[in-house]
Amino acid sequence: MTTAITNLLARKEKLLKQLEEAEDADQRSYIQRQLEQVDTALEFLGVPEQTSE
């Protein structure tokens, strides 16, 4: 796994944790947009989508 993919996956994990803890709707919206960007980058790099369950 490349460093870029590793960093993106770590960023996604951190954002998911922040999303769980976010209380403000604007903050959740901001985090969700960032997650979409990370997912797009991972898709571009050919990483299959992972489920967190």
Protein backbone atom coordinates (compact mmCIF):
# COMPACT_ATOMS: atom_id res chain seq x y z
CA MET A 1 0.00 0.00 0.00
CA THR A 2 1.35 3.38 -0.91
CA THR A 3 1.93 6.19 1.54
CA ALA A 4 -0.82 8.27 -0.07
CA ILE A 5 -3.38 5.50 0.41
CA THR A 6 -2.24 4.87 3.97
CA ASN A 7 -2.56 8.57 4.78
CA LEU A 8 -6.00 8.81 3.18
CA LEU A 9 -7.26 5.80 5.12
CA ALA A 10 -5.91 7.26 8.37
CA ARG A 11 -7.57 10.58 7.55
CA LYS A 12 -10.86 8.81 6.85
CA GLU A 13 -10.71 6.97 10.17
CA LYS A 14 -10.02 10.22 12.01
CA LEU A 15 -12.90 12.00 10.24
CA LEU A 16 -15.31 9.17 11.02
CA LYS A 17 -14.41 9.44 14.71
CA GLN A 18 -14.87 13.22 14.60
CA LEU A 19 -18.24 12.75 12.90
CA GLU A 20 -19.42 10.49 15.73
CA GLU A 21 -18.42 13.12 18.29
CA ALA A 22 -19.67 16.20 16.43
CA GLU A 23 -22.65 17.88 18.01
CA ASP A 24 -23.11 20.84 15.67
CA ALA A 25 -24.92 20.30 12.34
CA ASP A 26 -22.54 22.63 10.50
CA GLN A 27 -19.55 20.75 11.88
CA ARG A 28 -21.04 17.39 10.79
CA SER A 29 -21.72 18.80 7.32
CA TYR A 30 -18.12 20.01 7.03
CA ILE A 31 -16.77 16.63 8.12
CA GLN A 32 -19.05 14.80 5.67
CA ARG A 33 -17.74 16.96 2.80
CA GLN A 34 -14.19 16.10 3.78
CA LEU A 35 -15.11 12.40 3.90
CA GLU A 36 -16.52 12.65 0.38
CA GLN A 37 -13.24 14.15 -0.82
CA VAL A 38 -11.23 11.38 0.82
CA ASP A 39 -13.52 8.73 -0.67
CA THR A 40 -13.16 10.31 -4.12
CA ALA A 41 -9.37 10.28 -3.80
CA LEU A 42 -9.39 6.65 -2.69
CA GLU A 43 -11.67 5.71 -5.58
CA PHE A 44 -9.34 7.50 -8.00
CA LEU A 45 -6.42 5.50 -6.61
CA GLY A 46 -8.36 2.28 -7.11
CA VAL A 47 -8.95 1.41 -3.48
CA PRO A 48 -12.17 -0.59 -3.01
CA GLU A 49 -14.72 0.99 -0.67
CA GLN A 50 -14.49 -0.35 2.85
CA THR A 51 -17.37 -0.73 5.25
CA SER A 52 -16.86 0.15 8.88
CA GLU A 53 -19.15 -2.62 10.16
